[in-house]
C-alpha atoms as a PDB file:
ATOM      1  CA  MET A   1     -13.516 -33.067-107.335  1.00  0.00           C
ATOM      2  CA  GLY A   2     -16.623 -33.225-109.525  1.00  0.00           C
ATOM      3  CA  LYS A   3     -19.743 -31.104-109.202  1.00  0.00           C
ATOM      4  CA  VAL A   4     -21.712 -33.827-107.427  1.00  0.00           C
ATOM      5  CA  GLU A   5     -19.008 -34.308-104.828  1.00  0.00           C
ATOM      6  CA  MET A   6     -18.834 -30.538-104.276  1.00  0.00           C
ATOM      7  CA  LEU A   7     -22.607 -30.387-103.854  1.00  0.00           C
ATOM      8  CA  GLU A   8     -22.517 -33.284-101.402  1.00  0.00           C
ATOM      9  CA  LYS A   9     -19.997 -31.433 -99.233  1.00  0.00           C
ATOM     10  CA  GLU A  10     -22.077 -28.241 -99.373  1.00  0.00           C
ATOM     11  CA  ILE A  11     -25.256 -30.124 -98.460  1.00  0.00           C
ATOM     12  CA  GLU A  12     -23.564 -31.882 -95.554  1.00  0.00           C
ATOM     13  CA  ALA A  13     -22.593 -28.472 -94.171  1.00  0.00           C
ATOM     14  CA  LEU A  14     -26.101 -26.988 -94.321  1.00  0.00           C
ATOM     15  CA  PRO A  15     -27.886 -26.095 -91.123  1.00  0.00           C
ATOM     16  CA  VAL A  16     -31.036 -28.125 -90.450  1.00  0.00           C
ATOM     17  CA  ASP A  17     -33.433 -25.326 -91.472  1.00  0.00           C
ATOM     18  CA  GLU A  18     -31.697 -24.823 -94.819  1.00  0.00           C
ATOM     19  CA  LEU A  19     -31.510 -28.584 -95.395  1.00  0.00           C
ATOM     20  CA  LYS A  20     -35.291 -28.707 -94.898  1.00  0.00           C
ATOM     21  CA  LEU A  21     -35.768 -25.963 -97.506  1.00  0.00           C
ATOM     22  CA  LEU A  22     -33.449 -27.754 -99.930  1.00  0.00           C
ATOM     23  CA  ARG A  23     -35.311 -31.025 -99.440  1.00  0.00           C
ATOM     24  CA  GLU A  24     -38.671 -29.351-100.110  1.00  0.00           C
ATOM     25  CA  TRP A  25     -37.283 -27.604-103.198  1.00  0.00           C
ATOM     26  CA  PHE A  26     -35.751 -30.800-104.538  1.00  0.00           C
ATOM     27  CA  ILE A  27     -38.921 -32.827-104.075  1.00  0.00           C
ATOM     28  CA  GLU A  28     -40.856 -30.264-106.131  1.00  0.00           C
ATOM     29  CA  PHE A  29     -38.059 -30.011-108.714  1.00  0.00           C
ATOM     30  CA  ASP A  30     -37.855 -33.790-109.070  1.00  0.00           C
ATOM     31  CA  SER A  31     -41.628 -34.103-109.401  1.00  0.00           C
ATOM     32  CA  ASP A  32     -41.728 -31.375-112.057  1.00  0.00           C
ATOM     33  CA  SER A  33     -38.874 -33.040-113.950  1.00  0.00           C
ATOM     34  CA  TRP A  34     -40.764 -36.340-113.938  1.00  0.00           C
ATOM     35  CA  ASN A  35     -43.921 -34.631-115.200  1.00  0.00           C
ATOM     36  CA  TRP A  36     -42.016 -32.875-118.007  1.00  0.00           C
ATOM     37  CA  GLN A  37     -40.490 -36.196-119.068  1.00  0.00           C
ATOM     38  CA  ILE A  38     -43.893 -37.909-119.158  1.00  0.00           C
ATOM     39  CA  GLU A  39     -45.343 -34.997-121.156  1.00  0.00           C
ATOM     40  CA  ASP A  40     -42.441 -35.150-123.620  1.00  0.00           C
ATOM     41  CA  ASP A  41     -42.766 -38.921-123.968  1.00  0.00           C
ATOM     42  CA  ALA A  42     -46.516 -38.653-124.544  1.00  0.00           C
ATOM     43  CA  ALA A  43     -46.126 -35.857-127.097  1.00  0.00           C
ATOM     44  CA  SER A  44     -43.427 -37.759-128.989  1.00  0.00           C
ATOM     45  CA  GLY A  45     -45.530 -40.932-129.206  1.00  0.00           C
ATOM     46  CA  LYS A  46     -43.262 -43.015-126.969  1.00  0.00           C
ATOM     47  CA  LEU A  47     -46.248 -44.068-124.846  1.00  0.00           C
ATOM     48  CA  ASP A  48     -48.603 -44.899-127.723  1.00  0.00           C
ATOM     49  CA  GLU A  49     -47.753 -48.609-127.854  1.00  0.00           C
ATOM     50  CA  LEU A  50     -48.117 -48.979-124.085  1.00  0.00           C
ATOM     51  CA  ALA A  51     -51.485 -47.240-124.214  1.00  0.00           C
ATOM     52  CA  LYS A  52     -52.678 -49.522-127.031  1.00  0.00           C
ATOM     53  CA  LYS A  53     -51.635 -52.614-125.053  1.00  0.00           C
ATOM     54  CA  ALA A  54     -53.346 -51.350-121.901  1.00  0.00           C
ATOM     55  CA  ILE A  55     -56.585 -50.575-123.747  1.00  0.00           C
ATOM     56  CA  ALA A  56     -56.559 -53.960-125.460  1.00  0.00           C
ATOM     57  CA  SER A  57     -55.939 -55.687-122.131  1.00  0.00           C
ATOM     58  CA  HIS A  58     -58.802 -53.781-120.540  1.00  0.00           C
ATOM     59  CA  LYS A  59     -61.156 -54.641-123.403  1.00  0.00           C
ATOM     60  CA  ARG A  60     -60.289 -58.335-122.906  1.00  0.00           C
ATOM     61  CA  GLY A  61     -61.295 -57.973-119.258  1.00  0.00           C
ATOM     62  CA  ASP A  62     -57.766 -58.335-117.921  1.00  0.00           C
ATOM     63  CA  SER A  63     -57.902 -55.127-115.868  1.00  0.00           C
ATOM     64  CA  PRO A  64     -58.128 -55.578-112.116  1.00  0.00           C
ATOM     65  CA  GLU A  65     -61.024 -53.948-110.313  1.00  0.00           C
ATOM     66  CA  ILE A  66     -60.109 -51.068-108.051  1.00  0.00           C
END
């Protein structure tokens, strides 16, 4: 049995109050992971081309009003 399967079994056995705490922890962990990835991508230049395209599109007037 792999780690994920073992974790699934452990999670299924959690009492409701501990499952709530795990869910809250995971939401924060997942959000932080996403933020770190975006920061890494921005720092490495991976988002530069997308930013250039978005700015050019906006300058052409293609941006929707919000």
